[in-house]
Amino acid sequence: MTEQEKKFLQAKHRMEEAEARNRKKERSIRTRRLIQEGAILESVFPQAQHMDLEVLKAILEKRLGTKDTNYAS
């Protein structure tokens, strides 16, 4: 293996490690957001804690009128 090939392989591994760190950071951010959103939901709708998820989803869709609607900001 030439010196140039070694440097290329090292650079490739550094890039892969950086991408893995970024994916982990993004997952952590998403997890935190989901936890916070769940806490908000439970604080304004305490019954949600004891509901089946599909039932909860159906209730929210009916009350909010959001079935199959994307509300991404």
Protein backbone atom coordinates (compact mmCIF):
# COMPACT_ATOMS: atom_id res chain seq x y z
CA MET A 1 0.00 0.00 0.00
CA THR A 2 1.46 3.31 -1.04
CA GLU A 3 1.65 6.38 1.18
CA GLN A 4 -0.99 8.08 -0.96
CA GLU A 5 -3.35 5.10 -0.53
CA LYS A 6 -2.82 5.17 3.24
CA LYS A 7 -3.61 8.88 3.40
CA PHE A 8 -6.71 8.36 1.29
CA LEU A 9 -7.89 5.53 3.55
CA GLN A 10 -7.26 7.62 6.67
CA ALA A 11 -9.19 10.54 5.19
CA LYS A 12 -12.04 8.20 4.27
CA HIS A 13 -12.18 6.83 7.83
CA ARG A 14 -12.11 10.33 9.32
CA MET A 15 -15.02 11.29 7.06
CA GLU A 16 -16.99 8.17 8.07
CA GLU A 17 -16.37 8.91 11.75
CA ALA A 18 -17.51 12.51 11.32
CA GLU A 19 -20.67 11.34 9.55
CA ALA A 20 -21.36 8.84 12.36
CA ARG A 21 -20.95 11.61 14.96
CA ASN A 22 -23.36 13.82 13.01
CA ARG A 23 -25.95 11.01 12.78
CA LYS A 24 -25.66 10.41 16.53
CA LYS A 25 -26.04 14.12 17.26
CA GLU A 26 -29.12 14.34 15.01
CA ARG A 27 -30.67 11.29 16.73
CA SER A 28 -30.04 12.84 20.13
CA ILE A 29 -31.66 16.11 19.05
CA ARG A 30 -34.69 14.23 17.68
CA THR A 31 -34.98 12.10 20.83
CA ARG A 32 -34.91 15.19 23.04
CA ARG A 33 -37.56 16.90 20.90
CA LEU A 34 -39.83 13.84 21.01
CA ILE A 35 -39.49 13.59 24.79
CA GLN A 36 -40.32 17.27 25.20
CA GLU A 37 -43.32 17.01 22.87
CA GLY A 38 -44.57 13.95 24.75
CA ALA A 39 -44.22 15.80 28.06
CA ILE A 40 -46.22 18.72 26.68
CA LEU A 41 -48.92 16.36 25.39
CA GLU A 42 -49.18 14.61 28.77
CA SER A 43 -49.31 17.92 30.63
CA VAL A 44 -52.29 19.21 28.62
CA PHE A 45 -53.95 15.79 28.07
CA PRO A 46 -53.09 13.58 31.09
CA GLN A 47 -55.32 10.74 29.85
CA ALA A 48 -52.78 10.17 27.07
CA GLN A 49 -50.53 8.33 29.54
CA HIS A 50 -52.99 5.45 29.77
CA MET A 51 -54.14 5.20 26.16
CA ASP A 52 -53.19 2.82 23.42
CA LEU A 53 -51.10 4.76 20.90
CA GLU A 54 -53.46 4.10 18.00
CA VAL A 55 -56.42 5.32 20.07
CA LEU A 56 -54.48 8.43 21.07
CA LYS A 57 -53.55 9.08 17.46
CA ALA A 58 -57.17 8.71 16.32
CA ILE A 59 -58.40 11.09 19.03
CA LEU A 60 -55.79 13.70 18.15
CA GLU A 61 -56.52 13.43 14.43
CA LYS A 62 -60.25 13.83 15.07
CA ARG A 63 -59.88 16.76 17.47
CA LEU A 64 -57.24 18.55 15.44
CA GLY A 65 -58.57 17.65 12.01
CA THR A 66 -55.07 16.71 10.87
CA LYS A 67 -55.47 13.25 9.40
CA ASP A 68 -52.86 12.76 6.68
CA THR A 69 -51.84 16.41 6.85
CA ASN A 70 -48.22 17.46 7.11
CA TYR A 71 -47.70 20.46 9.39
CA ALA A 72 -43.93 20.74 9.04
CA SER A 73 -42.77 24.28 9.70
